[in-house]
Amino acid sequence: MSQKLVERLQQEFGSEILATSSQHGDETISVAPENLAKVVAHLRDREGCEQLSDVVGVDYPERSRRLEVNYLLRSWSNKNRVRVKVEVPVDEPVPSLTGLYKSANWHEREVYDLFGVSFSGHPDLRRILTHHEFEGHPLRKDYEIEQGQECSRPENLFSDEDISRAAQRASDLVADLSGVEDEIHPSDLLTVNLGPSHPATHGALRVECLLDGETIIESRAEIGYLHRCFEKEAEDHTWAEVMPYTDRLNYCSAMLNNCIYAGAVEKMLAVEVTPRTRVIRVIVSELARIIDHLVCVCANLVDVGALTNYWYLYNIRESIYECLEALCGSRLTSNYARIGGMSHDLYEGFEDEIRVKMDQLKQGHDDVMKLIARNRIFLDRTVDVCVINTEEALSWGYTGPCLRATGLAVDLRKDAPYLGYEEYDFDIPTGVNGDTHDRIMVRMSEMIQSRSIVLQALEKLTEGPLWIDNPAIVMPPKQNVYGSIEGVMNQFKLVSEGIQVPAGEGYGFGEGANGELGFFCVSDGGGRPYRVKVRPPCFPIFSSFARLIQGRMIPDAIATLGSINIIAGELDR
C-alpha cells in the first residue's frame, strides 16, 4: 500500500519529488523545503495521512546540507505509512507544519532544541527538553557528550504581554457566553504552578496556569526536568548496551520498551526471533501493559478521592511484580529482552503462577468496577470532563488508550501485527465521548483483554530454542567461551565492537501501554547507532494538555492529567 502511495505522489508532483527509497518496509520521499508543506498537505487531504507521528532530526556534518528532517506520517484509515525527508544547511529554515498538524508544534520544538533547525512560521519556537539557558544543540555530532553546562535561572512561561492577551480573550469569552460586557483586567488573573514538585502531577511536570477565580483561562507546560538525553547516550554505546536505557523510558511497563526496541533492531538486521521467544515477548509485554494500566487507574482514582480502589488494584500489581522479579531479578527496570532473543528462559512454575495472578486480576477488576461504575462522585468528576474528539486527537498525535477513548478502534497489535499478535483473539475497547471517564474505562477494559492474551499465549508456549542461530548477533554459550578460542573471540567482538547492523534506516514500533512507541534507527554499518530517535507516545498527548484544560477548573485538570498517564521518563527521555 505505501509503495503505491509513493507512486501516486510521483505522478502528482513529478520532479518536485527529489528521490524515493524503500528500506525495511519503510517508504521515503525526499522534497525541497519549499515544497514540504504542499506535499504534506496533499498527503493529509488526499491520501488520508491524518497523523504526524513524529519529526526526526539527523546530523550529517560532512554534507553541505548538514541537517536532515524526517516527517513520519501515518494513515490509520488506509493503513499507510510514509516518511517525508528534507535536507537543509545549518542556517536555512524549514517551513513549519503547525498549520497542518497540531502535533507539529512540540515535535518541531524538539528538533530545534536538539539540532538547531529553525522552523519558519512556528508560533512558539523555543527550547523544550533542555533548559532555556542551554547553549548549543546536544544531538549534533560536534557536541561532546561529556560537555556539561550549569543552568539555574527558572523561566517564566507567561510574559506580561501574554497575560494581557489572555485577559482580553477571557473578557471576550464572558461577553460571548453571557451577553454582558465584563472586562477582565490582567491583575484579575492569578498565576498558579502545578508541579514540578507536587504529587498530583505524578512526576516532574510543570504546568503554569492563568486563573480567573478557579477557571483556567490559559496554561503552558514545561517539561525536560528528567531529560537524560537517551538518544545521545545511544550513540555512545553499542546496540545491545542501549537496552537498559529503554527500561528508563516508561518505567511502569519496562518490558514493553525492551521488546519493542529489540524488534526495531531486529528489523534493521532483517532477522526473525524464534517462536518461543515471540510467545514469551507477548506474555511479558501484556503483563507490562496490565501493570501500567493498574498503576495509572489506581493513582488516577486516588486523585479524585477514591482511595479504596487503589489497594484493590495496587496489590495485584505488586503480586505480578513478584513473578517478574523471580523471572529477571528486578522489578521496575527489567533489562529482560535481548536482540535476537531473551536474556534467559522462563523459570519452572512461571506459567502456573501467572494463571493464578490473572484470576486475581479479574477479581480485583470486578471489585473496582462495583465501586466506581455507578458512583455519583466518580461520574461527576470524570464524565464530560476535558473532552477531545477523534479528529482533533489524531491531529495532536494521540495513539493508544487516549485515542481509542474517542471511539476510534485502532491498535498496532491488529493494524500492524507483530510477534504473531494476529494469531490471538482479543477485542479493542473504545470509548464514546473522549472524556476523562472514557480514558479510565478503556484502560480498565484493556486489562481484561491483555489477561485474555496472556492466557492464550501460555497455551501457545511450546518447547524450542530461545535464541536465533546467528553468532554475529547472539553471545556464544559459556561452555564455548571457556572451552574454545573461537568462543572467546566471538564474545570479545560482540562486547567490544557490538553487533554490526547494516547501514540504513528503519522505524520499528509497537503498541506501548500509552500508545505507539517507536524507535527510528539509523546505522552507518558499525556496532553503535548513528542515531536512535524515540517516539514516546505520551509526548504528543501531553502537548495537548493546555487545550484539554482550558476553561475547566483545577480539580478537572488533576483528574485529566492522571487519565492521560504522562510518564516523565518516557516524556523527557
Protein backbone atom coordinates (compact mmCIF):
# COMPACT_ATOMS: atom_id res chain seq x y z
CA MET A 1 0.00 0.00 0.00
CA SER A 2 2.71 2.53 0.96
CA GLN A 3 4.66 1.80 -2.24
CA LYS A 4 1.59 2.58 -4.36
CA LEU A 5 1.21 5.79 -2.37
CA VAL A 6 4.74 6.84 -3.35
CA GLU A 7 3.96 6.09 -7.00
CA ARG A 8 0.88 8.31 -6.84
CA LEU A 9 2.96 11.11 -5.31
CA GLN A 10 5.49 10.87 -8.12
CA GLN A 11 2.69 11.16 -10.67
CA GLU A 12 1.20 14.13 -8.83
CA PHE A 13 4.37 16.12 -8.13
CA GLY A 14 6.82 14.89 -10.76
CA SER A 15 10.29 16.38 -10.40
CA GLU A 16 9.34 18.01 -7.07
CA ILE A 17 9.87 14.55 -5.57
CA LEU A 18 13.66 14.64 -5.48
CA ALA A 19 14.21 10.98 -4.57
CA THR A 20 12.47 7.90 -3.22
CA SER A 21 13.74 4.95 -1.25
CA SER A 22 12.44 1.79 0.39
CA GLN A 23 14.20 0.19 3.35
CA HIS A 24 12.87 -2.44 5.73
CA GLY A 25 9.33 -1.83 4.51
CA ASP A 26 9.52 1.92 5.11
CA GLU A 27 8.81 4.16 2.11
CA THR A 28 10.54 7.55 1.94
CA ILE A 29 10.26 10.54 -0.37
CA SER A 30 12.65 13.50 -0.41
CA VAL A 31 11.48 17.02 -1.20
CA ALA A 32 12.94 20.52 -1.14
CA PRO A 33 11.98 22.65 1.88
CA GLU A 34 9.87 24.99 -0.24
CA ASN A 35 7.69 22.07 -1.38
CA LEU A 36 7.34 20.41 2.02
CA ALA A 37 4.05 21.96 3.13
CA LYS A 38 2.41 21.40 -0.25
CA VAL A 39 3.35 17.71 -0.38
CA VAL A 40 2.37 17.05 3.23
CA ALA A 41 -0.95 18.87 2.79
CA HIS A 42 -1.66 16.59 -0.20
CA LEU A 43 -0.83 13.54 1.90
CA ARG A 44 -3.19 14.68 4.64
CA ASP A 45 -6.11 15.82 2.48
CA ARG A 46 -5.93 13.45 -0.50
CA GLU A 47 -4.19 10.34 0.86
CA GLY A 48 -5.69 10.15 4.33
CA CYS A 49 -2.48 10.65 6.33
CA GLU A 50 -4.36 12.10 9.26
CA GLN A 51 -1.49 11.89 11.72
CA LEU A 52 2.03 13.26 12.01
CA SER A 53 3.56 10.60 14.25
CA ASP A 54 6.96 12.21 14.76
CA VAL A 55 9.58 14.61 13.41
CA VAL A 56 13.13 13.26 13.47
CA GLY A 57 16.33 15.24 13.07
CA VAL A 58 19.63 13.68 11.93
CA ASP A 59 23.01 15.41 11.68
CA TYR A 60 25.45 14.65 8.84
CA PRO A 61 28.38 17.07 9.37
CA GLU A 62 30.16 16.03 6.17
CA ARG A 63 27.26 17.17 3.96
CA SER A 64 26.73 20.71 2.71
CA ARG A 65 23.06 20.29 3.61
CA ARG A 66 24.05 19.06 7.01
CA LEU A 67 20.72 18.72 8.81
CA GLU A 68 18.06 16.22 7.79
CA VAL A 69 14.46 16.39 9.00
CA ASN A 70 12.20 13.34 8.65
CA TYR A 71 8.41 13.57 8.96
CA LEU A 72 6.74 10.27 9.88
CA LEU A 73 3.16 10.29 8.59
CA ARG A 74 0.54 7.64 9.26
CA SER A 75 -2.90 6.87 7.88
CA TRP A 76 -4.91 4.70 10.24
CA SER A 77 -7.82 4.52 7.81
CA ASN A 78 -5.72 3.31 4.85
CA LYS A 79 -3.04 1.56 6.94
CA ASN A 80 -0.34 3.53 5.14
CA ARG A 81 2.90 4.95 6.46
CA VAL A 82 5.26 7.24 4.58
CA ARG A 83 8.29 9.30 5.50
CA VAL A 84 8.92 12.76 4.01
CA LYS A 85 12.52 13.94 4.17
CA VAL A 86 14.08 17.38 3.71
CA GLU A 87 17.74 18.39 3.92
CA VAL A 88 18.91 21.89 4.83
CA PRO A 89 22.14 23.73 5.67
CA VAL A 90 22.57 24.85 9.27
CA ASP A 91 21.34 28.39 8.65
CA GLU A 92 18.34 27.60 6.40
CA PRO A 93 14.84 27.32 7.92
CA VAL A 94 12.25 24.66 7.22
CA PRO A 95 8.57 25.65 6.89
CA SER A 96 6.56 24.81 9.99
CA LEU A 97 3.74 22.27 9.64
CA THR A 98 1.86 23.55 12.68
CA GLY A 99 -0.89 24.76 10.35
CA LEU A 100 -1.46 21.17 9.19
CA TYR A 101 -0.94 19.10 12.35
CA LYS A 102 -1.20 20.27 15.94
CA SER A 103 1.41 17.69 16.98
CA ALA A 104 4.00 19.52 14.83
CA ASN A 105 4.31 22.23 17.48
CA TRP A 106 6.24 20.20 20.08
CA HIS A 107 7.89 17.90 17.54
CA GLU A 108 9.42 20.89 15.74
CA ARG A 109 10.45 22.49 19.01
CA GLU A 110 12.34 19.31 19.89
CA VAL A 111 14.25 19.29 16.59
CA TYR A 112 15.00 22.99 17.05
CA ASP A 113 16.23 22.40 20.59
CA LEU A 114 18.43 19.38 19.95
CA PHE A 115 19.64 20.12 16.40
CA GLY A 116 19.17 23.85 15.85
CA VAL A 117 16.83 23.56 12.87
CA SER A 118 14.71 26.69 12.59
CA PHE A 119 11.06 26.35 11.53
CA SER A 120 9.66 29.43 9.83
CA GLY A 121 6.11 30.27 10.85
CA HIS A 122 6.24 28.32 14.12
CA PRO A 123 4.09 30.08 16.76
CA ASP A 124 6.33 29.37 19.77
CA LEU A 125 9.80 28.23 18.70
CA ARG A 126 11.85 27.81 21.87
CA ARG A 127 13.66 25.02 23.68
CA ILE A 128 11.59 22.21 25.11
CA LEU A 129 13.82 19.45 26.58
CA THR A 130 16.91 21.42 27.57
CA HIS A 131 17.00 24.46 29.85
CA HIS A 132 16.26 27.83 28.29
CA GLU A 133 19.82 28.97 29.20
CA PHE A 134 21.41 25.94 27.47
CA GLU A 135 23.95 26.80 24.77
CA GLY A 136 24.41 24.70 21.65
CA HIS A 137 22.48 21.73 20.33
CA PRO A 138 23.30 18.45 22.09
CA LEU A 139 22.43 15.97 19.33
CA ARG A 140 24.75 17.49 16.77
CA LYS A 141 27.77 15.29 16.22
CA ASP A 142 30.22 18.02 17.20
CA TYR A 143 28.66 18.45 20.65
CA GLU A 144 30.81 16.44 23.07
CA ILE A 145 28.80 14.02 25.19
CA GLU A 146 30.77 14.89 28.34
CA GLN A 147 30.27 18.63 27.92
CA GLY A 148 28.34 19.93 30.91
CA GLN A 149 26.59 23.22 31.49
CA GLU A 150 25.25 24.92 34.59
CA CYS A 151 21.76 26.32 34.07
CA SER A 152 19.83 27.57 37.07
CA ARG A 153 17.57 30.54 36.31
CA PRO A 154 13.88 29.50 36.18
CA GLU A 155 11.78 30.51 33.21
CA ASN A 156 8.51 32.39 33.38
CA LEU A 157 6.25 30.75 30.82
CA PHE A 158 3.92 33.76 30.62
CA SER A 159 5.14 37.29 29.89
CA ASP A 160 3.15 40.38 30.88
CA GLU A 161 2.05 40.66 27.26
CA ASP A 162 0.84 37.04 27.28
CA ILE A 163 -1.20 37.70 30.43
CA SER A 164 -2.77 40.83 28.89
CA ARG A 165 -3.81 38.89 25.79
CA ALA A 166 -5.23 36.09 27.95
CA ALA A 167 -7.25 38.61 29.97
CA GLN A 168 -8.70 40.08 26.79
CA ARG A 169 -9.64 36.63 25.49
CA ALA A 170 -11.29 35.86 28.83
CA SER A 171 -13.28 39.11 28.62
CA ASP A 172 -14.44 38.28 25.10
CA LEU A 173 -15.43 34.76 26.18
CA VAL A 174 -17.53 36.06 29.09
CA ALA A 175 -19.26 38.52 26.78
CA ASP A 176 -19.99 35.79 24.20
CA LEU A 177 -21.43 33.43 26.81
CA SER A 178 -23.44 35.88 28.89
CA GLY A 179 -24.01 38.81 26.56
CA VAL A 180 -22.74 41.09 29.31
CA GLU A 181 -19.61 43.21 28.92
CA ASP A 182 -17.34 42.29 31.83
CA GLU A 183 -13.76 43.37 31.28
CA ILE A 184 -11.19 41.17 33.00
CA HIS A 185 -8.04 43.08 33.90
CA PRO A 186 -4.64 41.30 33.79
CA SER A 187 -4.35 41.88 37.54
CA ASP A 188 -7.50 39.78 37.99
CA LEU A 189 -5.67 36.71 36.75
CA LEU A 190 -3.74 34.58 39.20
CA THR A 191 -0.71 32.57 38.11
CA VAL A 192 -0.54 29.11 39.70
CA ASN A 193 2.01 26.40 39.08
CA LEU A 194 1.02 22.73 39.01
CA GLY A 195 4.28 20.92 39.65
CA PRO A 196 7.06 20.22 39.09
CA SER A 197 7.10 19.07 42.73
CA HIS A 198 3.56 18.03 43.50
CA PRO A 199 2.09 14.54 43.94
CA ALA A 200 -0.85 15.31 41.63
CA THR A 201 1.46 15.62 38.61
CA HIS A 202 2.85 12.10 39.17
CA GLY A 203 6.29 13.23 38.06
CA ALA A 204 8.46 16.22 37.26
CA LEU A 205 5.98 18.15 35.14
CA ARG A 206 5.21 21.83 35.37
CA VAL A 207 2.01 23.45 34.13
CA GLU A 208 1.70 27.19 34.68
CA CYS A 209 -1.96 28.20 34.75
CA LEU A 210 -3.63 31.59 34.49
CA LEU A 211 -6.72 31.50 36.67
CA ASP A 212 -9.78 33.71 36.72
CA GLY A 213 -11.12 32.60 40.08
CA GLU A 214 -10.90 28.82 39.76
CA THR A 215 -11.28 28.74 35.98
CA ILE A 216 -8.18 28.03 33.89
CA ILE A 217 -8.06 30.75 31.24
CA GLU A 218 -4.83 29.55 29.69
CA SER A 219 -1.92 27.30 30.59
CA ARG A 220 1.52 26.32 29.35
CA ALA A 221 3.57 23.23 30.10
CA GLU A 222 7.27 22.95 30.76
CA ILE A 223 8.99 19.57 30.51
CA GLY A 224 12.55 18.28 30.42
CA TYR A 225 13.21 18.02 34.14
CA LEU A 226 14.15 14.33 33.68
CA HIS A 227 15.77 14.69 30.27
CA ARG A 228 18.73 12.28 30.25
CA CYS A 229 19.42 12.62 26.51
CA PHE A 230 18.76 8.91 25.91
CA GLU A 231 19.45 9.47 22.22
CA LYS A 232 22.92 10.96 22.76
CA GLU A 233 23.81 8.12 25.11
CA ALA A 234 22.64 5.61 22.49
CA GLU A 235 25.23 7.00 20.04
CA ASP A 236 27.95 6.34 22.61
CA HIS A 237 27.04 2.68 23.27
CA THR A 238 26.60 -0.50 21.29
CA TRP A 239 23.15 -1.50 20.05
CA ALA A 240 22.91 -4.11 22.83
CA GLU A 241 24.06 -1.68 25.53
CA VAL A 242 21.11 0.60 24.77
CA MET A 243 18.69 -2.00 26.13
CA PRO A 244 18.90 -0.96 29.83
CA TYR A 245 18.22 2.66 28.83
CA THR A 246 14.87 1.60 27.37
CA ASP A 247 13.82 0.47 30.88
CA ARG A 248 14.01 4.09 31.99
CA LEU A 249 11.53 5.35 29.39
CA ASN A 250 8.10 4.29 30.64
CA TYR A 251 9.37 2.59 33.76
CA CYS A 252 5.83 1.44 34.59
CA SER A 253 5.97 -1.02 31.67
CA ALA A 254 9.68 -1.56 31.10
CA MET A 255 9.39 -4.96 29.44
CA LEU A 256 7.26 -3.47 26.69
CA ASN A 257 10.03 -0.98 25.94
CA ASN A 258 12.61 -3.80 25.90
CA CYS A 259 10.67 -5.92 23.42
CA ILE A 260 9.78 -3.07 21.05
CA TYR A 261 13.39 -1.82 20.94
CA ALA A 262 14.69 -5.35 20.32
CA GLY A 263 12.17 -5.69 17.49
CA ALA A 264 13.33 -2.39 15.96
CA VAL A 265 16.98 -3.53 15.82
CA GLU A 266 15.95 -6.97 14.55
CA LYS A 267 14.10 -5.17 11.75
CA MET A 268 17.35 -3.42 10.82
CA LEU A 269 19.13 -6.79 10.89
CA ALA A 270 16.34 -8.48 8.88
CA VAL A 271 16.07 -11.38 11.34
CA GLU A 272 13.08 -13.12 12.96
CA VAL A 273 13.19 -14.38 16.53
CA THR A 274 12.19 -17.95 17.37
CA PRO A 275 8.57 -18.97 18.03
CA ARG A 276 9.23 -19.47 21.74
CA THR A 277 10.76 -16.01 22.06
CA ARG A 278 7.79 -14.46 20.25
CA VAL A 279 5.35 -16.01 22.72
CA ILE A 280 7.45 -15.04 25.75
CA ARG A 281 7.63 -11.46 24.49
CA VAL A 282 3.86 -11.37 24.10
CA ILE A 283 3.40 -12.66 27.66
CA VAL A 284 5.78 -10.21 29.33
CA SER A 285 4.56 -7.32 27.15
CA GLU A 286 0.94 -7.88 28.12
CA LEU A 287 1.88 -8.28 31.78
CA ALA A 288 3.71 -4.96 31.50
CA ARG A 289 0.64 -3.36 29.90
CA ILE A 290 -1.54 -4.67 32.75
CA ILE A 291 0.87 -3.32 35.36
CA ASP A 292 0.98 0.06 33.65
CA HIS A 293 -2.80 0.33 33.45
CA LEU A 294 -3.17 -0.81 37.07
CA VAL A 295 -0.95 1.93 38.44
CA CYS A 296 -2.41 4.54 36.07
CA VAL A 297 -6.01 3.83 37.07
CA CYS A 298 -5.42 3.31 40.78
CA ALA A 299 -3.44 6.56 41.11
CA ASN A 300 -6.00 8.39 38.97
CA LEU A 301 -8.78 7.21 41.27
CA VAL A 302 -6.85 8.45 44.30
CA ASP A 303 -6.63 11.85 42.59
CA VAL A 304 -10.43 12.04 42.55
CA GLY A 305 -10.74 10.83 46.13
CA ALA A 306 -11.33 7.08 45.70
CA LEU A 307 -8.63 5.56 47.90
CA THR A 308 -10.08 2.06 48.47
CA ASN A 309 -9.76 1.22 44.78
CA TYR A 310 -6.04 1.90 44.99
CA TRP A 311 -5.46 -1.10 47.22
CA TYR A 312 -7.58 -3.43 45.11
CA LEU A 313 -5.51 -2.60 42.03
CA TYR A 314 -2.10 -1.91 43.52
CA ASN A 315 -1.99 -5.22 45.39
CA ILE A 316 -2.47 -7.06 42.09
CA ARG A 317 0.33 -5.02 40.55
CA GLU A 318 2.65 -5.99 43.39
CA SER A 319 1.60 -9.63 43.02
CA ILE A 320 2.52 -9.67 39.32
CA TYR A 321 5.82 -7.96 40.11
CA GLU A 322 6.70 -10.91 42.34
CA CYS A 323 6.67 -13.14 39.25
CA LEU A 324 8.64 -10.67 37.15
CA GLU A 325 11.23 -10.24 39.89
CA ALA A 326 11.66 -14.01 40.08
CA LEU A 327 11.94 -14.07 36.29
CA CYS A 328 14.64 -11.46 35.75
CA GLY A 329 15.92 -10.49 39.20
CA SER A 330 14.49 -7.00 39.09
CA ARG A 331 11.13 -5.30 39.48
CA LEU A 332 10.91 -1.90 37.85
CA THR A 333 13.77 -1.94 35.35
CA SER A 334 13.99 -5.45 33.98
CA ASN A 335 16.50 -5.48 31.08
CA TYR A 336 14.98 -8.81 30.07
CA ALA A 337 14.83 -8.74 26.26
CA ARG A 338 17.88 -9.15 24.04
CA ILE A 339 18.47 -8.52 20.36
CA GLY A 340 17.80 -11.94 18.84
CA GLY A 341 16.20 -13.50 21.93
CA MET A 342 15.71 -13.01 25.67
CA SER A 343 18.31 -12.89 28.41
CA HIS A 344 17.13 -16.28 29.72
CA ASP A 345 14.15 -18.60 29.67
CA LEU A 346 11.13 -18.73 31.96
CA TYR A 347 11.63 -20.32 35.36
CA GLU A 348 9.90 -23.56 36.32
CA GLY A 349 6.37 -22.93 37.56
CA PHE A 350 6.08 -19.49 35.90
CA GLU A 351 3.03 -20.46 33.85
CA ASP A 352 1.04 -21.73 36.83
CA GLU A 353 1.85 -18.66 38.90
CA ILE A 354 0.75 -16.32 36.12
CA ARG A 355 -2.57 -18.13 35.74
CA VAL A 356 -3.23 -17.54 39.44
CA LYS A 357 -2.31 -13.84 39.07
CA MET A 358 -4.68 -13.49 36.12
CA ASP A 359 -7.54 -14.86 38.25
CA GLN A 360 -6.67 -12.30 40.92
CA LEU A 361 -6.65 -9.57 38.29
CA LYS A 362 -10.18 -10.44 37.18
CA GLN A 363 -11.41 -10.40 40.78
CA GLY A 364 -9.74 -7.07 41.53
CA HIS A 365 -11.06 -5.54 38.30
CA ASP A 366 -14.61 -6.63 39.15
CA ASP A 367 -14.34 -5.31 42.72
CA VAL A 368 -13.25 -1.88 41.49
CA MET A 369 -15.96 -1.72 38.83
CA LYS A 370 -18.58 -2.38 41.53
CA LEU A 371 -17.25 0.65 43.41
CA ILE A 372 -16.96 3.15 40.56
CA ALA A 373 -19.26 2.17 37.67
CA ARG A 374 -22.31 3.91 39.18
CA ASN A 375 -20.58 6.05 41.79
CA ARG A 376 -22.04 9.56 41.62
CA ILE A 377 -18.88 11.34 42.78
CA PHE A 378 -16.68 9.46 40.31
CA LEU A 379 -19.07 10.13 37.43
CA ASP A 380 -19.36 13.83 38.29
CA ARG A 381 -15.58 14.16 38.35
CA THR A 382 -14.95 12.37 35.04
CA VAL A 383 -17.95 12.34 32.65
CA ASP A 384 -17.80 15.13 30.03
CA VAL A 385 -14.60 16.41 31.62
CA CYS A 386 -11.86 17.57 29.21
CA VAL A 387 -13.38 16.10 26.06
CA ILE A 388 -11.47 15.64 22.80
CA ASN A 389 -12.91 14.21 19.59
CA THR A 390 -11.27 11.76 17.20
CA GLU A 391 -10.28 14.25 14.51
CA GLU A 392 -8.60 16.58 16.97
CA ALA A 393 -6.93 13.71 18.82
CA LEU A 394 -5.39 12.47 15.56
CA SER A 395 -4.09 15.94 14.77
CA TRP A 396 -2.49 16.14 18.22
CA GLY A 397 -0.77 12.79 17.62
CA TYR A 398 -2.82 10.68 20.03
CA THR A 399 -2.37 6.91 19.94
CA GLY A 400 -3.20 4.09 22.34
CA PRO A 401 -5.92 4.23 25.03
CA CYS A 402 -6.35 8.02 24.78
CA LEU A 403 -7.13 7.77 21.07
CA ARG A 404 -9.35 4.73 21.49
CA ALA A 405 -11.29 6.63 24.18
CA THR A 406 -12.54 8.94 21.41
CA GLY A 407 -14.20 5.97 19.70
CA LEU A 408 -11.56 5.04 17.11
CA ALA A 409 -10.76 1.31 17.29
CA VAL A 410 -7.10 1.32 16.27
CA ASP A 411 -4.36 -0.77 17.83
CA LEU A 412 -0.96 -1.61 16.32
CA ARG A 413 -1.31 -5.18 17.52
CA LYS A 414 -4.15 -5.51 14.99
CA ASP A 415 -3.44 -2.75 12.45
CA ALA A 416 0.25 -3.63 12.01
CA PRO A 417 0.62 -7.02 13.74
CA TYR A 418 3.99 -8.14 15.12
CA LEU A 419 5.10 -11.01 17.36
CA GLY A 420 2.24 -13.06 15.94
CA TYR A 421 -0.49 -10.90 17.52
CA GLU A 422 -2.72 -11.72 14.55
CA GLU A 423 -3.00 -15.25 15.98
CA TYR A 424 -4.61 -14.04 19.21
CA ASP A 425 -8.28 -13.41 19.80
CA PHE A 426 -8.90 -10.09 21.56
CA ASP A 427 -11.09 -7.01 21.26
CA ILE A 428 -10.19 -3.33 21.05
CA PRO A 429 -12.05 -1.44 23.80
CA THR A 430 -13.21 2.04 22.79
CA GLY A 431 -14.95 4.97 24.39
CA VAL A 432 -17.66 7.28 23.09
CA ASN A 433 -17.03 10.83 24.31
CA GLY A 434 -13.24 11.04 24.56
CA ASP A 435 -13.53 12.36 28.11
CA THR A 436 -11.71 11.53 31.34
CA HIS A 437 -14.24 8.80 32.14
CA ASP A 438 -13.67 7.04 28.81
CA ARG A 439 -9.90 7.22 29.16
CA ILE A 440 -10.13 5.45 32.52
CA MET A 441 -12.67 2.87 31.38
CA VAL A 442 -10.75 1.97 28.23
CA ARG A 443 -7.75 1.09 30.36
CA MET A 444 -9.94 -0.96 32.70
CA SER A 445 -11.26 -2.95 29.73
CA GLU A 446 -7.82 -3.31 28.17
CA MET A 447 -6.54 -5.06 31.27
CA ILE A 448 -9.11 -7.81 30.74
CA GLN A 449 -8.18 -8.10 27.06
CA SER A 450 -4.49 -8.34 27.98
CA ARG A 451 -5.38 -11.01 30.52
CA SER A 452 -7.02 -12.98 27.71
CA ILE A 453 -3.92 -12.60 25.51
CA VAL A 454 -1.65 -13.82 28.33
CA LEU A 455 -3.78 -16.90 28.93
CA GLN A 456 -3.82 -17.68 25.18
CA ALA A 457 -0.06 -17.21 24.98
CA LEU A 458 0.53 -19.60 27.86
CA GLU A 459 -1.30 -22.25 25.82
CA LYS A 460 0.88 -21.49 22.79
CA LEU A 461 4.10 -21.80 24.78
CA THR A 462 5.94 -24.80 23.36
CA GLU A 463 9.50 -26.04 23.78
CA GLY A 464 12.13 -24.78 21.40
CA PRO A 465 15.23 -22.58 21.13
CA LEU A 466 15.20 -19.14 22.71
CA TRP A 467 17.90 -17.57 20.54
CA ILE A 468 18.28 -17.24 16.81
CA ASP A 469 21.18 -19.20 15.35
CA ASN A 470 23.48 -16.35 14.37
CA PRO A 471 26.88 -15.92 16.09
CA ALA A 472 27.19 -12.38 14.66
CA ILE A 473 24.24 -11.35 16.84
CA VAL A 474 24.00 -13.80 19.72
CA MET A 475 26.52 -14.32 22.51
CA PRO A 476 28.09 -17.82 22.41
CA PRO A 477 27.24 -20.33 25.19
CA LYS A 478 29.57 -20.02 28.15
CA GLN A 479 30.96 -23.51 27.63
CA ASN A 480 32.15 -22.35 24.19
CA VAL A 481 33.73 -19.24 25.67
CA TYR A 482 35.54 -21.22 28.34
CA GLY A 483 36.46 -24.10 26.05
CA SER A 484 37.46 -22.65 22.66
CA ILE A 485 39.37 -19.72 21.20
CA GLU A 486 36.55 -19.19 18.68
CA GLY A 487 34.06 -18.73 21.51
CA VAL A 488 36.36 -16.28 23.31
CA MET A 489 36.86 -14.19 20.16
CA ASN A 490 33.14 -14.24 19.33
CA GLN A 491 32.19 -12.89 22.75
CA PHE A 492 35.07 -10.38 22.74
CA LYS A 493 33.99 -8.88 19.41
CA LEU A 494 30.32 -8.68 20.38
CA VAL A 495 31.17 -6.96 23.68
CA SER A 496 33.85 -4.60 22.43
CA GLU A 497 32.62 -3.84 18.89
CA GLY A 498 28.92 -4.60 19.18
CA ILE A 499 26.51 -6.16 16.72
CA GLN A 500 27.31 -4.86 13.25
CA VAL A 501 23.98 -3.52 11.97
CA PRO A 502 23.91 -2.96 8.18
CA ALA A 503 23.90 0.68 7.08
CA GLY A 504 20.46 2.14 6.53
CA GLU A 505 17.36 3.46 8.25
CA GLY A 506 14.35 1.74 9.79
CA TYR A 507 11.45 2.54 12.05
CA GLY A 508 10.47 -0.18 14.50
CA PHE A 509 7.35 0.32 16.54
CA GLY A 510 4.75 -1.42 18.68
CA GLU A 511 1.73 -0.83 20.89
CA GLY A 512 3.12 0.51 24.15
CA ALA A 513 0.99 0.98 27.24
CA ASN A 514 0.35 4.62 26.30
CA GLY A 515 0.22 4.11 22.53
CA GLU A 516 2.68 3.93 19.67
CA LEU A 517 6.22 3.50 20.98
CA GLY A 518 8.70 3.70 18.11
CA PHE A 519 12.44 3.71 17.52
CA PHE A 520 13.74 5.41 14.37
CA CYS A 521 17.12 3.77 13.87
CA VAL A 522 19.95 4.98 11.62
CA SER A 523 23.03 2.80 11.20
CA ASP A 524 26.31 3.61 9.47
CA GLY A 525 27.18 -0.09 9.40
CA GLY A 526 29.01 -0.13 12.73
CA GLY A 527 28.40 -1.52 16.17
CA ARG A 528 26.93 1.68 17.59
CA PRO A 529 23.79 3.51 16.46
CA TYR A 530 24.42 6.57 14.34
CA ARG A 531 21.02 7.79 15.55
CA VAL A 532 18.17 6.36 17.60
CA LYS A 533 15.11 8.58 17.90
CA VAL A 534 12.45 7.52 20.40
CA ARG A 535 8.82 8.20 19.52
CA PRO A 536 7.32 8.36 23.05
CA PRO A 537 3.51 8.06 22.96
CA CYS A 538 2.81 10.47 25.80
CA PHE A 539 4.93 13.32 24.30
CA PRO A 540 2.31 14.43 21.72
CA ILE A 541 -0.53 13.60 24.13
CA PHE A 542 0.84 15.93 26.81
CA SER A 543 1.33 18.68 24.21
CA SER A 544 -2.50 18.89 24.08
CA PHE A 545 -2.96 19.22 27.85
CA ALA A 546 -3.27 23.02 27.75
CA ARG A 547 -6.03 22.66 25.18
CA LEU A 548 -7.84 19.98 27.26
CA ILE A 549 -7.99 22.01 30.47
CA GLN A 550 -8.72 25.44 29.01
CA GLY A 551 -11.95 26.73 30.52
CA ARG A 552 -12.01 23.98 33.16
CA MET A 553 -11.15 24.10 36.85
CA ILE A 554 -8.09 22.90 38.74
CA PRO A 555 -9.77 19.68 40.02
CA ASP A 556 -10.65 18.83 36.38
CA ALA A 557 -7.02 19.34 35.36
CA ILE A 558 -5.82 16.95 38.06
CA ALA A 559 -8.31 14.24 37.12
CA THR A 560 -7.49 14.61 33.43
CA LEU A 561 -3.73 14.58 33.90
CA GLY A 562 -4.00 11.19 35.58
CA SER A 563 -6.24 9.87 32.80
CA ILE A 564 -3.74 10.64 30.03
CA ASN A 565 -1.00 8.86 32.02
CA ILE A 566 2.03 11.04 31.45
CA ILE A 567 5.23 9.22 32.48
CA ALA A 568 8.04 11.75 32.81
CA GLY A 569 10.79 9.26 31.91
CA GLU A 570 9.07 8.50 28.60
CA LEU A 571 8.12 12.13 28.00
CA ASP A 572 11.61 13.54 28.53
CA ARG A 573 13.80 10.55 27.69
